Amino acid sequence: MNTSDVNSYATSHAPPRPRVVIVGCGFGGLEATRTLARTDVEITLIDRTNHHLFQPLLYQVATAGLAAPAISAPIRHILRKQMQQGRLTVLLGEVVAIEAAARAVVLNDGVRIPYDHLIVATGATHSYFGRDEWARYAPGLKTLADAFDLRNRVLKAFEKAERYPEDRQDWMSFAVIGGGPTGVEMAGTMAEIAHHTLYDEFRRIDSRQARVLLIEGADRILGSYPPELSERARHQLEKLKVEVCTGCRVIGIDAEGVTVQPAEGEPYQLRARTVVWAAGVAGSPLGKSLQAATGATLDRAGRVLVEPDLSLPGHPEIHVIGDLATAKSYPKQGEPTPVPGVSPSAKQMGRHAAANIQRRLRGEATRPFHYIDYGSLATIGRKAAVAQVDLPLLGTVRFSGYPAWLFWLFVHIYFLIGFRNRLMVLTDWAWAYWTFQRNARVVVEPAQAAATVPPAPLETPR
């Protein structure tokens, strides 16, 4: 699209209905789109990928438990009915700037998309707390590309251990940094791979001798959970032979491993050739664009501070939701409380932002956001999980072990997008439960990595 096309986009595509632009098709953006699709507005949904990702199960792709199509689905397929109604346009593109004064978003190819109302739901990215050089040695897990990269690293570590006996122990040591739900899930699953999936598939190594370390700077893992559930999670991890290192602050990461500073004593190095980063998140880079365009305030993690109704101060036409927002829940009684960065809160924020736009279109006052917390779940491994669920009349119920694992399993299957995905996940999990096998273990070299290998020299004819 040339410059004249860009400048004429707003006029040539101007609809008679109010224009709503939604950036990002994660949990929040998808729910906002579905809610607004029942309103007489013109919606433009923009995402830099063509698929919606069920991120809570992304670690299953990274650990070869599930194939990528089982936890993702094309956006156009999910929203095909809404598009057929003639009020939704889906665009594949990346928003790089927001022009609040002109009420337009700018794509990476220079195209400007005008809006009357804007919902920004671009989520979060990895945060290395100012040490971005660590990313080379300790990848995080946010996208399918991250999952593929991590799966290759884990599986190839065992291959390297088989091939290079002098470095065997280093290749068979895995460090997971961060004791939140993602870190706990990754550590437990990696231990299961070593002790059950691969133990009889190598000649020169015993995969059961692998060492899996979970490193957490606080004094306990799952810090957002009650202490009793944190302790149960630690006990279940240790039964899986995961070494849980709490009170250890990471001060260095390189190709040899991780350097930690314990609460007491001198720093020391934990040697591990495979390191997974699950310790910190930051708001997407679009938060800085919002700050520059609107004067919005960002917190230390780069997330945008929003008003009670999820809009920006001085810009009621802009809503920020999901992991990019620092929001509070406003109950009818009691003090406001921070909204956790989990998928249920993103869904509720998406529906609430859409409902507030509908209210504004009707000339009504917007309402503050109230988050309904149904509980927390974290899986640790096969037949191991912890759960905290709020039930009517019974109050808060906490349980762990096999019952919590079954509950976690069926909850995640229920919330997957589409019957096909549910069937695929249920089938793969059932097979893995009875056989301990993980079928998504194909290692594919990236094209650019293969291109860096120098070609073999041609022999000179004699």
Protein backbone atom coordinates (compact mmCIF):
# COMPACT_ATOMS: atom_id res chain seq x y z
CA MET A 1 0.00 0.00 0.00
CA ASN A 2 1.53 3.32 -1.08
CA THR A 3 1.38 6.70 0.68
CA SER A 4 -1.75 7.88 -1.09
CA ASP A 5 -3.51 4.65 -0.13
CA VAL A 6 -2.49 5.16 3.48
CA ASN A 7 -3.75 8.74 3.59
CA SER A 8 -7.04 7.84 1.95
CA TYR A 9 -7.74 4.80 4.12
CA ALA A 10 -9.84 6.70 6.66
CA THR A 11 -12.10 8.32 4.06
CA SER A 12 -12.47 5.41 1.66
CA HIS A 13 -13.27 2.96 4.46
CA ALA A 14 -15.25 5.28 6.71
CA PRO A 15 -18.40 3.43 7.88
CA PRO A 16 -21.60 5.08 9.05
CA ARG A 17 -21.40 3.19 12.34
CA PRO A 18 -19.09 4.03 15.29
CA ARG A 19 -15.64 2.58 14.70
CA VAL A 20 -14.11 0.32 17.37
CA VAL A 21 -10.53 -0.91 16.95
CA ILE A 22 -9.37 -3.83 19.10
CA VAL A 23 -5.63 -4.51 19.19
CA GLY A 24 -4.74 -8.06 20.17
CA CYS A 25 -6.76 -11.28 20.02
CA GLY A 26 -5.79 -12.90 23.27
CA PHE A 27 -8.35 -13.75 25.91
CA GLY A 28 -9.35 -10.11 26.50
CA GLY A 29 -9.45 -9.03 22.86
CA LEU A 30 -11.45 -12.10 21.83
CA GLU A 31 -14.09 -11.57 24.54
CA ALA A 32 -14.36 -7.87 23.73
CA THR A 33 -14.89 -8.67 20.05
CA ARG A 34 -17.57 -11.24 20.77
CA THR A 35 -19.41 -8.85 23.08
CA LEU A 36 -19.29 -5.88 20.70
CA ALA A 37 -20.27 -8.00 17.69
CA ARG A 38 -23.84 -7.88 19.02
CA THR A 39 -23.77 -4.07 18.79
CA ASP A 40 -24.32 -1.86 15.75
CA VAL A 41 -20.67 -0.80 15.46
CA GLU A 42 -17.88 -1.34 12.94
CA ILE A 43 -15.15 -3.47 14.55
CA THR A 44 -11.59 -3.83 13.33
CA LEU A 45 -9.61 -6.53 15.13
CA ILE A 46 -5.84 -6.40 14.60
CA ASP A 47 -3.36 -9.07 15.66
CA ARG A 48 0.22 -9.77 14.60
CA THR A 49 -0.52 -13.51 14.34
CA ASN A 50 -3.36 -15.29 12.59
CA HIS A 51 -4.27 -17.43 15.60
CA HIS A 52 -5.69 -17.23 19.08
CA LEU A 53 -3.49 -19.02 21.60
CA PHE A 54 -4.66 -20.81 24.76
CA GLN A 55 -1.63 -19.66 26.70
CA PRO A 56 -2.19 -21.62 29.96
CA LEU A 57 -1.27 -24.80 28.08
CA LEU A 58 1.65 -23.35 26.14
CA TYR A 59 4.13 -25.14 28.38
CA GLN A 60 2.60 -28.43 27.18
CA VAL A 61 3.77 -27.60 23.65
CA ALA A 62 7.20 -26.62 24.98
CA THR A 63 7.50 -30.00 26.73
CA ALA A 64 6.21 -32.07 23.78
CA GLY A 65 2.96 -33.02 25.49
CA LEU A 66 0.70 -31.33 22.94
CA ALA A 67 0.97 -30.25 19.32
CA ALA A 68 0.53 -26.57 18.53
CA PRO A 69 -2.88 -26.92 16.77
CA ALA A 70 -4.34 -28.43 19.95
CA ILE A 71 -4.06 -25.14 21.84
CA SER A 72 -4.49 -22.63 19.02
CA ALA A 73 -7.03 -21.85 16.34
CA PRO A 74 -7.20 -19.41 13.40
CA ILE A 75 -8.81 -16.12 14.40
CA ARG A 76 -10.84 -15.98 11.20
CA HIS A 77 -12.30 -19.41 11.92
CA ILE A 78 -13.20 -18.56 15.51
CA LEU A 79 -14.93 -15.31 14.49
CA ARG A 80 -16.32 -16.38 11.11
CA LYS A 81 -19.96 -15.95 12.23
CA GLN A 82 -19.29 -12.43 13.49
CA MET A 83 -17.58 -11.52 10.20
CA GLN A 84 -20.51 -12.89 8.22
CA GLN A 85 -22.76 -10.43 10.03
CA GLY A 86 -20.90 -7.64 8.25
CA ARG A 87 -19.64 -5.71 11.28
CA LEU A 88 -16.20 -7.23 11.88
CA THR A 89 -12.95 -6.91 9.92
CA VAL A 90 -9.91 -8.98 10.96
CA LEU A 91 -6.47 -7.70 9.96
CA LEU A 92 -3.11 -9.44 10.24
CA GLY A 93 -0.66 -6.74 11.25
CA GLU A 94 1.34 -5.24 14.10
CA VAL A 95 0.34 -1.95 15.70
CA VAL A 96 3.50 0.05 16.39
CA ALA A 97 2.05 3.40 17.48
CA ILE A 98 -1.13 5.00 18.71
CA GLU A 99 -2.03 8.56 17.69
CA ALA A 100 -4.47 9.58 20.38
CA ALA A 101 -4.99 13.13 19.06
CA ALA A 102 -5.88 11.88 15.58
CA ARG A 103 -7.67 8.80 16.96
CA ALA A 104 -5.80 6.32 14.81
CA VAL A 105 -3.48 3.36 15.23
CA VAL A 106 -0.44 2.93 12.99
CA LEU A 107 0.61 -0.47 11.62
CA ASN A 108 4.17 -1.52 10.94
CA ASP A 109 3.67 -0.98 7.20
CA GLY A 110 2.58 2.63 7.73
CA VAL A 111 -1.18 2.09 7.38
CA ARG A 112 -3.29 4.22 9.75
CA ILE A 113 -6.56 2.74 11.03
CA PRO A 114 -8.97 5.34 12.47
CA TYR A 115 -11.13 4.66 15.51
CA ASP A 116 -13.83 6.23 17.65
CA HIS A 117 -13.20 3.77 20.47
CA LEU A 118 -10.05 1.76 21.09
CA ILE A 119 -9.37 -1.36 23.16
CA VAL A 120 -5.71 -2.27 23.63
CA ALA A 121 -5.16 -5.89 24.66
CA THR A 122 -1.61 -6.68 23.56
CA GLY A 123 -0.62 -8.57 26.70
CA ALA A 124 2.84 -8.89 28.17
CA THR A 125 6.34 -9.95 27.21
CA HIS A 126 9.38 -11.22 29.11
CA SER A 127 11.11 -9.05 31.67
CA TYR A 128 14.72 -9.73 32.62
CA PHE A 129 14.84 -6.85 35.12
CA GLY A 130 17.27 -4.84 33.06
CA ARG A 131 19.50 -7.78 32.14
CA ASP A 132 18.28 -8.37 28.60
CA GLU A 133 21.51 -10.18 27.71
CA TRP A 134 20.19 -13.13 29.74
CA ALA A 135 17.50 -13.77 27.10
CA ARG A 136 20.07 -15.49 24.90
CA TYR A 137 20.68 -18.19 27.51
CA ALA A 138 17.28 -18.29 29.28
CA PRO A 139 14.33 -18.02 26.87
CA GLY A 140 10.86 -17.29 28.18
CA LEU A 141 7.52 -18.70 27.14
CA LYS A 142 4.87 -16.40 25.65
CA THR A 143 4.32 -17.49 22.04
CA LEU A 144 4.24 -20.64 19.94
CA ALA A 145 7.65 -19.68 18.55
CA ASP A 146 8.98 -19.58 22.13
CA ALA A 147 7.48 -23.03 22.77
CA PHE A 148 9.08 -24.52 19.65
CA ASP A 149 12.47 -23.05 20.58
CA LEU A 150 12.27 -24.34 24.13
CA ARG A 151 11.12 -27.79 23.04
CA ASN A 152 14.13 -28.02 20.72
CA ARG A 153 16.49 -26.98 23.51
CA VAL A 154 15.12 -29.54 25.97
CA LEU A 155 15.09 -32.49 23.59
CA LYS A 156 18.47 -31.63 22.05
CA ALA A 157 20.02 -31.41 25.52
CA PHE A 158 19.52 -35.15 25.93
CA GLU A 159 20.94 -35.70 22.45
CA LYS A 160 24.04 -33.69 23.39
CA ALA A 161 24.40 -35.69 26.60
CA GLU A 162 24.39 -38.90 24.56
CA ARG A 163 26.96 -37.51 22.15
CA TYR A 164 29.37 -35.68 24.48
CA PRO A 165 30.07 -37.80 27.59
CA GLU A 166 32.59 -35.30 28.98
CA ASP A 167 29.79 -32.70 29.40
CA ARG A 168 27.02 -35.17 30.14
CA GLN A 169 26.01 -33.87 33.54
CA ASP A 170 25.85 -30.25 32.36
CA TRP A 171 23.62 -31.19 29.43
CA MET A 172 21.38 -33.25 31.71
CA SER A 173 20.88 -30.37 34.16
CA PHE A 174 17.90 -28.07 33.66
CA ALA A 175 17.21 -24.85 35.56
CA VAL A 176 13.84 -23.13 35.70
CA ILE A 177 13.96 -19.59 37.08
CA GLY A 178 10.77 -18.41 38.76
CA GLY A 179 8.52 -20.28 41.17
CA GLY A 180 5.18 -19.02 39.90
CA PRO A 181 2.62 -21.28 38.18
CA THR A 182 4.54 -21.36 34.87
CA GLY A 183 7.83 -22.23 36.55
CA VAL A 184 6.24 -24.92 38.72
CA GLU A 185 4.47 -26.47 35.73
CA MET A 186 7.64 -26.42 33.60
CA ALA A 187 9.85 -27.95 36.31
CA GLY A 188 7.41 -30.73 37.12
CA THR A 189 6.85 -31.64 33.48
CA MET A 190 10.57 -31.61 32.63
CA ALA A 191 11.17 -34.03 35.51
CA GLU A 192 8.48 -36.33 34.14
CA ILE A 193 10.09 -36.27 30.69
CA ALA A 194 13.43 -37.33 32.17
CA HIS A 195 12.13 -39.97 34.54
CA HIS A 196 9.32 -41.53 32.49
CA THR A 197 9.27 -40.52 28.81
CA LEU A 198 12.91 -40.89 27.77
CA TYR A 199 14.39 -43.33 30.25
CA ASP A 200 14.61 -46.30 27.82
CA GLU A 201 15.39 -44.43 24.60
CA PHE A 202 19.14 -43.84 24.94
CA ARG A 203 22.05 -46.25 25.03
CA ARG A 204 24.81 -44.26 26.75
CA ILE A 205 22.82 -42.15 29.21
CA ASP A 206 20.14 -42.79 31.80
CA SER A 207 17.74 -39.87 31.50
CA ARG A 208 16.55 -40.58 35.03
CA GLN A 209 19.85 -39.13 36.23
CA ALA A 210 18.81 -35.70 34.93
CA ARG A 211 18.77 -32.85 37.41
CA VAL A 212 15.88 -30.35 37.38
CA LEU A 213 16.23 -27.21 39.51
CA LEU A 214 13.50 -24.69 40.30
CA ILE A 215 14.98 -21.39 41.48
CA GLU A 216 12.86 -18.81 43.29
CA GLY A 217 14.03 -15.59 44.92
CA ALA A 218 11.23 -15.48 47.51
CA ASP A 219 11.04 -17.75 50.53
CA ARG A 220 8.39 -20.00 48.92
CA ILE A 221 7.07 -21.01 45.52
CA LEU A 222 3.59 -20.01 44.31
CA GLY A 223 3.75 -16.85 46.35
CA SER A 224 0.23 -15.75 45.35
CA TYR A 225 -1.22 -18.95 46.83
CA PRO A 226 -1.85 -19.64 50.52
CA PRO A 227 1.26 -20.94 52.36
CA GLU A 228 -0.28 -24.38 52.88
CA LEU A 229 -0.77 -24.88 49.12
CA SER A 230 2.75 -23.60 48.43
CA GLU A 231 4.11 -26.20 50.82
CA ARG A 232 2.05 -28.96 49.23
CA ALA A 233 3.30 -27.92 45.80
CA ARG A 234 6.89 -28.03 47.04
CA HIS A 235 6.36 -31.49 48.49
CA GLN A 236 4.87 -32.78 45.24
CA LEU A 237 7.75 -31.32 43.22
CA GLU A 238 10.28 -32.98 45.48
CA LYS A 239 8.49 -36.31 45.00
CA LEU A 240 9.15 -35.81 41.29
CA LYS A 241 12.84 -35.26 42.20
CA VAL A 242 12.81 -31.56 41.40
CA GLU A 243 15.31 -29.58 43.49
CA VAL A 244 13.46 -26.54 44.81
CA CYS A 245 15.81 -23.65 45.65
CA THR A 246 13.95 -20.84 47.43
CA GLY A 247 15.49 -17.66 48.77
CA CYS A 248 17.98 -17.71 45.90
CA ARG A 249 18.28 -14.56 43.81
CA VAL A 250 19.67 -14.97 40.28
CA ILE A 251 22.60 -12.61 39.65
CA GLY A 252 24.04 -14.12 36.48
CA ILE A 253 23.18 -16.38 33.55
CA ASP A 254 25.58 -17.60 30.88
CA ALA A 255 26.19 -20.62 28.67
CA GLU A 256 27.46 -22.64 31.64
CA GLY A 257 24.52 -22.12 33.96
CA VAL A 258 23.06 -19.83 36.60
CA THR A 259 24.79 -17.87 39.35
CA VAL A 260 22.62 -17.38 42.44
CA GLN A 261 22.90 -15.31 45.59
CA PRO A 262 21.35 -17.13 48.57
CA ALA A 263 19.79 -15.24 51.45
CA GLU A 264 22.87 -16.11 53.48
CA GLY A 265 26.34 -16.98 52.28
CA GLU A 266 28.39 -16.44 49.15
CA PRO A 267 27.13 -16.60 45.55
CA TYR A 268 27.57 -19.91 43.77
CA GLN A 269 26.97 -21.34 40.31
CA LEU A 270 24.44 -24.00 39.36
CA ARG A 271 25.74 -25.62 36.19
CA ALA A 272 23.00 -26.24 33.61
CA ARG A 273 23.12 -25.97 29.83
CA THR A 274 19.34 -25.52 29.53
CA VAL A 275 17.74 -22.61 31.40
CA VAL A 276 14.08 -21.52 31.26
CA TRP A 277 13.01 -18.02 32.29
CA ALA A 278 9.67 -17.84 34.13
CA ALA A 279 10.49 -15.09 36.60
CA GLY A 280 9.13 -11.83 35.27
CA VAL A 281 6.80 -10.21 32.79
CA ALA A 282 6.52 -6.69 31.40
CA GLY A 283 3.80 -4.90 29.53
CA SER A 284 4.00 -5.02 25.74
CA PRO A 285 5.95 -2.20 24.01
CA LEU A 286 2.66 -0.58 22.99
CA GLY A 287 2.35 0.66 26.57
CA LYS A 288 5.12 3.17 25.93
CA SER A 289 3.33 4.40 22.83
CA LEU A 290 0.21 4.98 24.93
CA GLN A 291 2.30 6.85 27.48
CA ALA A 292 3.76 9.12 24.80
CA ALA A 293 0.41 9.76 23.14
CA THR A 294 -1.82 10.21 26.18
CA GLY A 295 0.45 10.89 29.15
CA ALA A 296 -0.65 7.62 30.73
CA THR A 297 1.28 6.37 33.74
CA LEU A 298 3.23 3.11 33.55
CA ASP A 299 4.21 0.96 36.51
CA ARG A 300 7.67 -0.55 36.99
CA ALA A 301 6.78 -3.44 34.68
CA GLY A 302 5.65 -1.15 31.87
CA ARG A 303 1.94 -1.81 32.41
CA VAL A 304 -0.59 0.98 32.02
CA LEU A 305 -2.45 2.34 35.04
CA VAL A 306 -6.13 2.58 34.14
CA GLU A 307 -9.21 4.23 35.59
CA PRO A 308 -11.81 2.18 37.50
CA ASP A 309 -13.74 1.65 34.25
CA LEU A 310 -10.51 0.45 32.48
CA SER A 311 -10.17 3.62 30.39
CA LEU A 312 -7.22 6.01 30.35
CA PRO A 313 -7.29 9.28 32.31
CA GLY A 314 -8.42 12.05 29.98
CA HIS A 315 -9.14 9.56 27.19
CA PRO A 316 -12.40 7.76 27.93
CA GLU A 317 -12.42 6.43 24.35
CA ILE A 318 -9.32 4.29 25.04
CA HIS A 319 -9.51 1.13 27.15
CA VAL A 320 -6.53 -1.01 28.19
CA ILE A 321 -7.19 -4.56 29.36
CA GLY A 322 -5.45 -7.83 30.18
CA ASP A 323 -1.78 -8.14 31.10
CA LEU A 324 -1.00 -4.68 29.71
CA ALA A 325 -3.21 -3.03 32.35
CA THR A 326 -2.59 -2.36 36.01
CA ALA A 327 -6.19 -2.44 37.17
CA LYS A 328 -8.11 -2.75 40.39
CA SER A 329 -11.33 -4.53 41.20
CA TYR A 330 -14.06 -2.41 42.77
CA PRO A 331 -16.50 -4.54 44.75
CA LYS A 332 -19.81 -3.16 46.02
CA GLN A 333 -18.42 -3.40 49.52
CA GLY A 334 -14.84 -3.20 50.72
CA GLU A 335 -11.64 -1.68 49.39
CA PRO A 336 -10.40 -1.98 45.79
CA THR A 337 -8.00 -4.87 45.23
CA PRO A 338 -5.41 -5.47 42.46
CA VAL A 339 -6.55 -7.59 39.54
CA PRO A 340 -4.29 -10.64 38.99
CA GLY A 341 -2.67 -11.23 35.62
CA VAL A 342 -4.52 -14.43 34.73
CA SER A 343 -6.71 -15.45 31.81
CA PRO A 344 -10.06 -15.22 33.68
CA SER A 345 -9.38 -11.59 34.57
CA ALA A 346 -8.46 -10.79 30.95
CA LYS A 347 -11.74 -12.30 29.76
CA GLN A 348 -13.77 -10.37 32.29
CA MET A 349 -11.94 -7.14 31.46
CA GLY A 350 -12.62 -7.66 27.76
CA ARG A 351 -16.34 -8.08 28.35
CA HIS A 352 -16.41 -5.14 30.75
CA ALA A 353 -14.59 -2.75 28.41
CA ALA A 354 -16.96 -3.72 25.59
CA ALA A 355 -19.97 -3.21 27.85
CA ASN A 356 -18.72 0.25 28.85
CA ILE A 357 -18.38 1.21 25.18
CA GLN A 358 -21.96 0.09 24.67
CA ARG A 359 -23.01 2.26 27.62
CA ARG A 360 -21.22 5.28 26.21
CA LEU A 361 -22.92 4.79 22.85
CA ARG A 362 -26.27 4.82 24.67
CA GLY A 363 -25.30 7.98 26.56
CA GLU A 364 -25.02 6.17 29.89
CA ALA A 365 -22.32 6.39 32.53
CA THR A 366 -19.62 3.72 32.53
CA ARG A 367 -19.19 1.35 35.48
CA PRO A 368 -16.08 0.39 37.46
CA PHE A 369 -14.62 -3.03 36.88
CA HIS A 370 -15.32 -5.78 39.40
CA TYR A 371 -13.28 -8.97 39.10
CA ILE A 372 -14.95 -12.21 40.14
CA ASP A 373 -12.27 -14.58 41.40
CA TYR A 374 -13.29 -18.20 40.95
CA GLY A 375 -10.03 -19.57 42.31
CA SER A 376 -6.53 -20.61 41.28
CA LEU A 377 -5.07 -23.77 39.77
CA ALA A 378 -1.51 -24.93 39.20
CA THR A 379 -0.48 -28.34 37.91
CA ILE A 380 2.81 -29.89 38.97
CA GLY A 381 2.86 -33.18 37.13
CA ARG A 382 1.00 -36.42 36.59
CA LYS A 383 -1.64 -36.69 39.33
CA ALA A 384 -0.11 -33.68 41.09
CA ALA A 385 -1.63 -30.19 41.34
CA VAL A 386 -2.90 -27.61 43.81
CA ALA A 387 -6.23 -25.81 43.67
CA GLN A 388 -8.08 -23.06 45.49
CA VAL A 389 -11.71 -22.68 44.44
CA ASP A 390 -14.43 -20.35 45.71
CA LEU A 391 -17.75 -22.19 45.85
CA PRO A 392 -21.19 -20.78 46.71
CA LEU A 393 -22.24 -21.59 50.27
CA LEU A 394 -19.05 -23.60 50.91
CA GLY A 395 -16.64 -20.69 50.64
CA THR A 396 -12.98 -21.26 49.72
CA VAL A 397 -12.01 -24.89 49.19
CA ARG A 398 -8.34 -25.88 48.97
CA PHE A 399 -7.14 -29.27 47.81
CA SER A 400 -4.16 -30.87 46.13
CA GLY A 401 -2.85 -34.08 44.60
CA TYR A 402 -4.90 -36.30 42.29
CA PRO A 403 -8.30 -34.58 42.85
CA ALA A 404 -6.77 -31.17 42.08
CA TRP A 405 -5.07 -32.60 38.98
CA LEU A 406 -8.37 -34.03 37.67
CA PHE A 407 -10.10 -30.72 38.36
CA TRP A 408 -7.33 -28.80 36.56
CA LEU A 409 -7.55 -31.17 33.59
CA PHE A 410 -11.29 -30.83 33.01
CA VAL A 411 -11.31 -27.06 33.62
CA HIS A 412 -8.69 -26.52 30.93
CA ILE A 413 -10.43 -28.81 28.47
CA TYR A 414 -13.70 -26.94 29.06
CA PHE A 415 -12.18 -23.53 28.32
CA LEU A 416 -10.34 -24.58 25.15
CA ILE A 417 -11.62 -23.08 21.90
CA GLY A 418 -13.60 -25.54 19.77
CA PHE A 419 -14.66 -29.16 20.02
CA ARG A 420 -11.75 -30.36 17.87
CA ASN A 421 -9.17 -28.85 20.23
CA ARG A 422 -10.90 -30.34 23.26
CA LEU A 423 -10.94 -33.78 21.64
CA MET A 424 -7.27 -33.54 20.61
CA VAL A 425 -6.12 -32.51 24.08
CA LEU A 426 -8.24 -35.12 25.83
CA THR A 427 -6.92 -37.85 23.52
CA ASP A 428 -3.28 -36.81 23.92
CA TRP A 429 -3.58 -36.53 27.69
CA ALA A 430 -5.27 -39.91 27.98
CA TRP A 431 -2.52 -41.51 25.90
CA ALA A 432 0.20 -39.80 27.93
CA TYR A 433 -1.47 -40.86 31.20
CA TRP A 434 -1.47 -44.56 30.34
CA THR A 435 1.82 -44.75 28.41
CA PHE A 436 3.92 -41.83 29.76
CA GLN A 437 4.65 -40.99 26.12
CA ARG A 438 4.79 -37.54 24.54
CA ASN A 439 4.17 -37.63 20.83
CA ALA A 440 5.00 -34.04 19.83
CA ARG A 441 8.75 -34.63 20.01
CA VAL A 442 9.76 -33.79 16.45
CA VAL A 443 12.74 -31.40 16.42
CA VAL A 444 12.77 -29.06 13.41
CA GLU A 445 15.71 -26.78 12.78
CA PRO A 446 14.74 -23.16 11.99
CA ALA A 447 15.45 -22.17 8.41
CA GLN A 448 17.82 -19.35 9.37
CA ALA A 449 19.78 -21.68 11.66
CA ALA A 450 20.22 -24.14 8.82
CA ALA A 451 21.28 -21.30 6.52
CA THR A 452 24.14 -20.33 8.85
CA VAL A 453 25.82 -23.69 8.39
CA PRO A 454 28.62 -23.16 5.82
CA PRO A 455 28.38 -25.36 2.76
CA ALA A 456 30.93 -28.12 2.30
CA PRO A 457 33.89 -27.00 0.16
CA LEU A 458 33.93 -28.25 -3.41
CA GLU A 459 36.77 -30.59 -4.30
CA THR A 460 39.16 -29.30 -6.95
CA PRO A 461 39.44 -31.71 -9.88
CA ARG A 462 42.88 -33.23 -10.21
